[in-house]
Structures are given as structure tokens and as C-alpha cells.
N, C-alpha and C. Protein backbone atom coordinates (compact mmCIF):
# COMPACT_ATOMS: atom_id res chain seq x y z
N MET A 1 0.84 -1.17 0.00
CA MET A 1 0.00 0.00 0.00
C MET A 1 0.89 1.24 0.00
N ARG A 2 0.52 2.21 -0.81
CA ARG A 2 1.29 3.45 -0.82
C ARG A 2 0.36 4.64 -0.79
N THR A 3 0.89 5.76 -0.33
CA THR A 3 0.10 6.99 -0.28
C THR A 3 0.76 8.03 -1.17
N ILE A 4 -0.07 8.82 -1.83
CA ILE A 4 0.42 9.91 -2.66
C ILE A 4 -0.42 11.14 -2.42
N GLU A 5 0.14 12.29 -2.76
CA GLU A 5 -0.59 13.55 -2.67
C GLU A 5 -1.12 13.87 -4.06
N ILE A 6 -2.35 14.36 -4.11
CA ILE A 6 -2.94 14.75 -5.39
C ILE A 6 -3.54 16.15 -5.26
N LYS A 7 -3.77 16.77 -6.40
CA LYS A 7 -4.49 18.04 -6.45
C LYS A 7 -5.70 17.81 -7.35
N VAL A 8 -6.87 18.18 -6.86
CA VAL A 8 -8.11 17.94 -7.59
C VAL A 8 -8.60 19.24 -8.22
N ILE A 9 -9.04 19.14 -9.47
CA ILE A 9 -9.66 20.27 -10.15
C ILE A 9 -11.08 19.83 -10.53
N PRO A 10 -12.08 20.27 -9.73
CA PRO A 10 -13.47 19.90 -10.03
C PRO A 10 -14.05 20.76 -11.15
N ASN A 11 -15.25 20.42 -11.61
CA ASN A 11 -15.96 21.17 -12.65
C ASN A 11 -15.16 21.29 -13.94
N SER A 12 -14.40 20.27 -14.26
CA SER A 12 -13.57 20.27 -15.46
C SER A 12 -14.38 19.77 -16.66
N ASN A 13 -13.86 19.99 -17.85
CA ASN A 13 -14.54 19.51 -19.05
C ASN A 13 -14.29 18.03 -19.31
N GLU A 14 -13.23 17.48 -18.69
CA GLU A 14 -12.88 16.09 -18.92
C GLU A 14 -12.40 15.46 -17.62
N GLU A 15 -12.42 14.13 -17.59
CA GLU A 15 -11.89 13.41 -16.44
C GLU A 15 -10.56 12.82 -16.85
N VAL A 16 -9.48 13.34 -16.27
CA VAL A 16 -8.15 12.92 -16.68
C VAL A 16 -7.17 13.05 -15.51
N VAL A 17 -6.12 12.24 -15.56
CA VAL A 17 -5.05 12.31 -14.57
C VAL A 17 -3.83 12.89 -15.29
N ILE A 18 -3.25 13.95 -14.73
CA ILE A 18 -2.10 14.61 -15.33
C ILE A 18 -0.87 14.32 -14.48
N GLU A 19 0.16 13.77 -15.13
CA GLU A 19 1.41 13.46 -14.43
C GLU A 19 2.09 14.77 -14.07
N ALA A 20 2.13 15.08 -12.80
CA ALA A 20 2.78 16.29 -12.32
C ALA A 20 3.16 16.04 -10.87
N GLU A 21 3.72 17.02 -10.24
CA GLU A 21 4.06 16.89 -8.82
C GLU A 21 3.35 17.99 -8.06
N PRO A 22 2.29 17.74 -7.32
CA PRO A 22 1.64 16.44 -7.13
C PRO A 22 0.78 16.07 -8.34
N LEU A 23 0.31 14.83 -8.38
CA LEU A 23 -0.55 14.32 -9.45
C LEU A 23 -1.81 15.19 -9.50
N ILE A 24 -2.21 15.59 -10.70
CA ILE A 24 -3.41 16.43 -10.86
C ILE A 24 -4.54 15.56 -11.41
N VAL A 25 -5.68 15.62 -10.74
CA VAL A 25 -6.85 14.84 -11.17
C VAL A 25 -7.96 15.82 -11.51
N ARG A 26 -8.37 15.81 -12.78
CA ARG A 26 -9.46 16.68 -13.23
C ARG A 26 -10.72 15.83 -13.30
N VAL A 27 -11.80 16.31 -12.68
CA VAL A 27 -13.08 15.59 -12.70
C VAL A 27 -14.20 16.54 -13.11
N LYS A 28 -15.24 15.98 -13.69
CA LYS A 28 -16.38 16.78 -14.16
C LYS A 28 -17.32 17.19 -13.04
N GLU A 29 -17.34 16.42 -11.97
CA GLU A 29 -18.30 16.64 -10.88
C GLU A 29 -17.99 17.92 -10.09
N PRO A 30 -19.04 18.56 -9.54
CA PRO A 30 -18.83 19.73 -8.68
C PRO A 30 -18.40 19.29 -7.27
N PRO A 31 -17.75 20.17 -6.53
CA PRO A 31 -17.29 19.80 -5.17
C PRO A 31 -18.37 19.93 -4.12
N THR A 32 -19.55 19.38 -4.39
CA THR A 32 -20.64 19.44 -3.42
C THR A 32 -21.11 18.03 -3.08
N LYS A 33 -21.45 17.83 -1.82
CA LYS A 33 -21.99 16.57 -1.32
C LYS A 33 -21.10 15.37 -1.65
N GLY A 34 -19.79 15.58 -1.73
CA GLY A 34 -18.85 14.48 -1.95
C GLY A 34 -18.81 13.95 -3.37
N LYS A 35 -19.48 14.64 -4.31
CA LYS A 35 -19.53 14.16 -5.69
C LYS A 35 -18.14 14.13 -6.32
N ALA A 36 -17.37 15.20 -6.13
CA ALA A 36 -16.02 15.25 -6.71
C ALA A 36 -15.13 14.18 -6.08
N ASN A 37 -15.25 13.94 -4.78
CA ASN A 37 -14.44 12.92 -4.12
C ASN A 37 -14.74 11.53 -4.69
N ARG A 38 -16.00 11.23 -4.89
CA ARG A 38 -16.36 9.93 -5.47
C ARG A 38 -15.80 9.80 -6.89
N ALA A 39 -15.86 10.89 -7.65
CA ALA A 39 -15.33 10.87 -9.02
C ALA A 39 -13.80 10.69 -9.00
N VAL A 40 -13.13 11.32 -8.04
CA VAL A 40 -11.67 11.18 -7.92
C VAL A 40 -11.30 9.73 -7.65
N VAL A 41 -12.00 9.09 -6.73
CA VAL A 41 -11.72 7.69 -6.41
C VAL A 41 -11.93 6.81 -7.64
N LYS A 42 -13.00 7.08 -8.39
CA LYS A 42 -13.29 6.29 -9.58
C LYS A 42 -12.21 6.48 -10.66
N VAL A 43 -11.82 7.72 -10.90
CA VAL A 43 -10.81 8.01 -11.92
C VAL A 43 -9.46 7.41 -11.53
N LEU A 44 -9.06 7.58 -10.28
CA LEU A 44 -7.77 7.04 -9.84
C LEU A 44 -7.77 5.51 -9.80
N SER A 45 -8.90 4.91 -9.46
CA SER A 45 -8.99 3.44 -9.46
C SER A 45 -8.75 2.89 -10.86
N ARG A 46 -9.33 3.56 -11.85
CA ARG A 46 -9.12 3.16 -13.24
C ARG A 46 -7.67 3.40 -13.66
N TYR A 47 -7.13 4.54 -13.27
CA TYR A 47 -5.77 4.94 -13.66
C TYR A 47 -4.72 3.97 -13.11
N PHE A 48 -4.83 3.62 -11.83
CA PHE A 48 -3.85 2.74 -11.18
C PHE A 48 -4.24 1.27 -11.25
N ASN A 49 -5.47 0.98 -11.70
CA ASN A 49 -6.00 -0.39 -11.72
C ASN A 49 -5.86 -1.02 -10.33
N ALA A 50 -6.29 -0.27 -9.33
CA ALA A 50 -6.19 -0.70 -7.94
C ALA A 50 -7.27 0.00 -7.13
N ARG A 51 -7.47 -0.47 -5.89
CA ARG A 51 -8.43 0.19 -5.01
C ARG A 51 -7.80 1.45 -4.45
N VAL A 52 -8.57 2.52 -4.40
CA VAL A 52 -8.08 3.82 -3.94
C VAL A 52 -9.05 4.36 -2.90
N ARG A 53 -8.50 5.00 -1.86
CA ARG A 53 -9.37 5.69 -0.90
C ARG A 53 -8.69 6.98 -0.46
N ILE A 54 -9.52 7.97 -0.15
CA ILE A 54 -9.01 9.26 0.31
C ILE A 54 -8.72 9.16 1.80
N VAL A 55 -7.47 9.45 2.18
CA VAL A 55 -7.06 9.36 3.57
C VAL A 55 -7.28 10.68 4.29
N SER A 56 -6.91 11.79 3.63
CA SER A 56 -7.14 13.10 4.24
C SER A 56 -7.36 14.14 3.15
N GLY A 57 -8.00 15.25 3.55
CA GLY A 57 -8.25 16.33 2.62
C GLY A 57 -9.58 16.23 1.91
N THR A 58 -10.57 15.62 2.54
CA THR A 58 -11.87 15.46 1.86
C THR A 58 -12.53 16.79 1.52
N LYS A 59 -12.20 17.84 2.25
CA LYS A 59 -12.81 19.15 1.99
C LYS A 59 -11.82 20.12 1.35
N SER A 60 -10.71 19.59 0.86
CA SER A 60 -9.66 20.41 0.27
C SER A 60 -9.37 19.96 -1.15
N ARG A 61 -8.76 20.82 -1.95
CA ARG A 61 -8.36 20.42 -3.30
C ARG A 61 -7.12 19.54 -3.24
N ARG A 62 -6.31 19.71 -2.22
CA ARG A 62 -5.13 18.84 -2.04
C ARG A 62 -5.53 17.70 -1.12
N LYS A 63 -5.29 16.50 -1.59
CA LYS A 63 -5.71 15.32 -0.84
C LYS A 63 -4.56 14.32 -0.75
N ILE A 64 -4.64 13.47 0.26
CA ILE A 64 -3.74 12.33 0.37
C ILE A 64 -4.59 11.09 0.09
N VAL A 65 -4.17 10.30 -0.90
CA VAL A 65 -4.91 9.07 -1.21
C VAL A 65 -4.02 7.86 -0.99
N GLU A 66 -4.68 6.77 -0.64
CA GLU A 66 -3.98 5.52 -0.40
C GLU A 66 -4.33 4.57 -1.54
N ILE A 67 -3.29 3.97 -2.13
CA ILE A 67 -3.48 3.05 -3.24
C ILE A 67 -3.16 1.64 -2.78
N GLU A 68 -4.13 0.76 -2.90
CA GLU A 68 -3.94 -0.63 -2.50
C GLU A 68 -3.42 -1.40 -3.71
N GLU A 69 -2.13 -1.72 -3.69
CA GLU A 69 -1.49 -2.39 -4.81
C GLU A 69 -2.06 -3.79 -5.01
N PRO A 70 -2.37 -4.17 -6.24
CA PRO A 70 -2.82 -5.54 -6.48
C PRO A 70 -1.66 -6.51 -6.29
N GLU A 71 -1.97 -7.69 -5.74
CA GLU A 71 -0.91 -8.66 -5.46
C GLU A 71 -0.65 -9.55 -6.65
């Protein structure tokens, strides 16, 4: 299991992960009622092909996520 820092950009035109420091995740969902957080988990799960969960920063654009590496 590893943790990384990401920066989220909600209300974007596309859902994409941009290789940068920290990793930038653009999602279409607005940052209300956890919609953007759910979209971030979905996009990152597809990107890493692993289970992802937000560890901290649920109300911030900068988040720490935990990636569960497949065995």
C-alpha cells in the first residue's frame, strides 16, 4: 500500500489524470456533497488499476490518497 498527494480540479470539461508533482486529477463533478471525491476515487482506481481511498483532505483540493497495490 502506498500513499500519494494529489491536487483535484473539479468542474472540469474532462476526467483525466495529469502526471505532475503532485498528481493532478481533473473531474467533471462539482465539489458538493462528496460528488467530486467519489469521481476522484473512480478516476484514480481506473488509472492505477487498484483500489483507492481518500485518507485526508476530503474538503480540500489537495488530498492524500492511499493506493492498494494488487498482489
